[in-house]
C-alpha atoms as a PDB file:
ATOM      1  CA  MET A   1      11.362  12.714   3.763  1.00  0.00           C
ATOM      2  CA  PRO A   2       8.079  11.015   4.727  1.00  0.00           C
ATOM      3  CA  LEU A   3       6.797   8.268   2.481  1.00  0.00           C
ATOM      4  CA  LEU A   4       3.463   6.456   2.346  1.00  0.00           C
ATOM      5  CA  VAL A   5       3.436   3.034   0.695  1.00  0.00           C
ATOM      6  CA  ILE A   6      -0.016   1.632  -0.006  1.00  0.00           C
ATOM      7  CA  ALA A   7      -0.134  -2.032  -0.966  1.00  0.00           C
ATOM      8  CA  ALA A   8      -2.825  -4.211  -2.485  1.00  0.00           C
ATOM      9  CA  GLY A   9      -3.558  -7.445  -0.696  1.00  0.00           C
ATOM     10  CA  ALA A  10      -5.100  -9.442  -3.527  1.00  0.00           C
ATOM     11  CA  CYS A  11      -2.984 -10.806  -6.340  1.00  0.00           C
ATOM     12  CA  ASP A  12      -4.786 -10.498  -9.666  1.00  0.00           C
ATOM     13  CA  VAL A  13      -1.837 -10.530 -12.044  1.00  0.00           C
ATOM     14  CA  PRO A  14      -1.398 -13.841 -13.864  1.00  0.00           C
ATOM     15  CA  GLY A  15       1.906 -15.492 -13.111  1.00  0.00           C
ATOM     16  CA  LEU A  16       2.616 -13.593  -9.885  1.00  0.00           C
ATOM     17  CA  PRO A  17       2.577 -15.645  -6.709  1.00  0.00           C
ATOM     18  CA  ALA A  18       0.175 -14.775  -3.908  1.00  0.00           C
ATOM     19  CA  GLY A  19       1.655 -12.098  -1.684  1.00  0.00           C
ATOM     20  CA  ALA A  20       4.004 -10.700  -4.324  1.00  0.00           C
ATOM     21  CA  PHE A  21       2.619  -7.162  -4.123  1.00  0.00           C
ATOM     22  CA  GLN A  22       2.622  -7.087  -0.332  1.00  0.00           C
ATOM     23  CA  GLN A  23       6.168  -8.409  -0.102  1.00  0.00           C
ATOM     24  CA  ALA A  24       7.532  -5.951  -2.646  1.00  0.00           C
ATOM     25  CA  ALA A  25       5.782  -2.974  -1.066  1.00  0.00           C
ATOM     26  CA  ALA A  26       6.776  -3.989   2.454  1.00  0.00           C
ATOM     27  CA  ALA A  27      10.406  -4.437   1.393  1.00  0.00           C
ATOM     28  CA  PHE A  28      10.379  -1.042  -0.301  1.00  0.00           C
ATOM     29  CA  ALA A  29       8.916   0.623   2.802  1.00  0.00           C
ATOM     30  CA  ALA A  30      11.388  -1.168   5.082  1.00  0.00           C
ATOM     31  CA  ARG A  31      14.288   0.395   3.195  1.00  0.00           C
ATOM     32  CA  HIS A  32      13.057   3.906   3.873  1.00  0.00           C
ATOM     33  CA  PRO A  33      13.529   5.206   7.433  1.00  0.00           C
ATOM     34  CA  HIS A  34      10.434   7.434   7.347  1.00  0.00           C
ATOM     35  CA  ALA A  35       8.033   5.184   5.471  1.00  0.00           C
ATOM     36  CA  GLU A  36       4.614   4.083   6.588  1.00  0.00           C
ATOM     37  CA  TYR A  37       3.239   0.881   5.069  1.00  0.00           C
ATOM     38  CA  VAL A  38      -0.514   0.409   4.611  1.00  0.00           C
ATOM     39  CA  LEU A  39      -2.013  -2.840   3.318  1.00  0.00           C
ATOM     40  CA  ILE A  40      -5.519  -2.872   1.871  1.00  0.00           C
ATOM     41  CA  PRO A  41      -6.160  -6.610   2.194  1.00  0.00           C
ATOM     42  CA  ASP A  42      -8.862  -7.343  -0.377  1.00  0.00           C
ATOM     43  CA  ALA A  43      -7.736  -4.872  -3.046  1.00  0.00           C
ATOM     44  CA  PRO A  44      -6.256  -5.869  -6.420  1.00  0.00           C
ATOM     45  CA  HIS A  45      -3.215  -4.065  -7.785  1.00  0.00           C
ATOM     46  CA  TYR A  46      -5.273  -1.089  -9.036  1.00  0.00           C
ATOM     47  CA  VAL A  47      -6.136  -0.336  -5.435  1.00  0.00           C
ATOM     48  CA  GLN A  48      -6.764   3.370  -6.028  1.00  0.00           C
ATOM     49  CA  ALA A  49      -9.414   2.561  -8.650  1.00  0.00           C
ATOM     50  CA  THR A  50     -11.149  -0.302  -6.852  1.00  0.00           C
ATOM     51  CA  HIS A  51     -10.904   0.923  -3.244  1.00  0.00           C
ATOM     52  CA  PRO A  52     -10.809   4.738  -3.441  1.00  0.00           C
ATOM     53  CA  ALA A  53     -12.325   5.262   0.012  1.00  0.00           C
ATOM     54  CA  SER A  54      -9.692   3.049   1.661  1.00  0.00           C
ATOM     55  CA  VAL A  55      -6.888   4.769  -0.221  1.00  0.00           C
ATOM     56  CA  SER A  56      -8.260   8.218   0.645  1.00  0.00           C
ATOM     57  CA  ALA A  57      -8.563   7.267   4.309  1.00  0.00           C
ATOM     58  CA  ALA A  58      -4.982   5.984   4.346  1.00  0.00           C
ATOM     59  CA  ILE A  59      -3.679   9.170   2.728  1.00  0.00           C
ATOM     60  CA  GLU A  60      -5.733  11.460   4.955  1.00  0.00           C
ATOM     61  CA  GLY A  61      -4.624   9.612   8.076  1.00  0.00           C
ATOM     62  CA  TRP A  62      -1.012   9.729   6.987  1.00  0.00           C
ATOM     63  CA  LEU A  63      -1.176  13.443   6.168  1.00  0.00           C
ATOM     64  CA  ALA A  64      -2.799  14.181   9.518  1.00  0.00           C
ATOM     65  CA  GLY A  65       0.134  12.508  11.241  1.00  0.00           C
ATOM     66  CA  LEU A  66       2.780  14.605   9.505  1.00  0.00           C
ATOM     67  CA  LYS A  67       4.329  17.434  11.452  1.00  0.00           C
END
């Protein structure tokens, strides 16, 4: 089953080390044989709310690539 993992690049959660979101999302995607990992570098963890155009583009691109 295809899977799209979209990760936020900025860490805005107090107490979490820089890169925590990216590492967790990348590890999750790496465990799935049909996953695609997309990083939105400057986005905080509510990436869909703060960067809707980037999220939409990632989803649309991913959907276009499905067979």
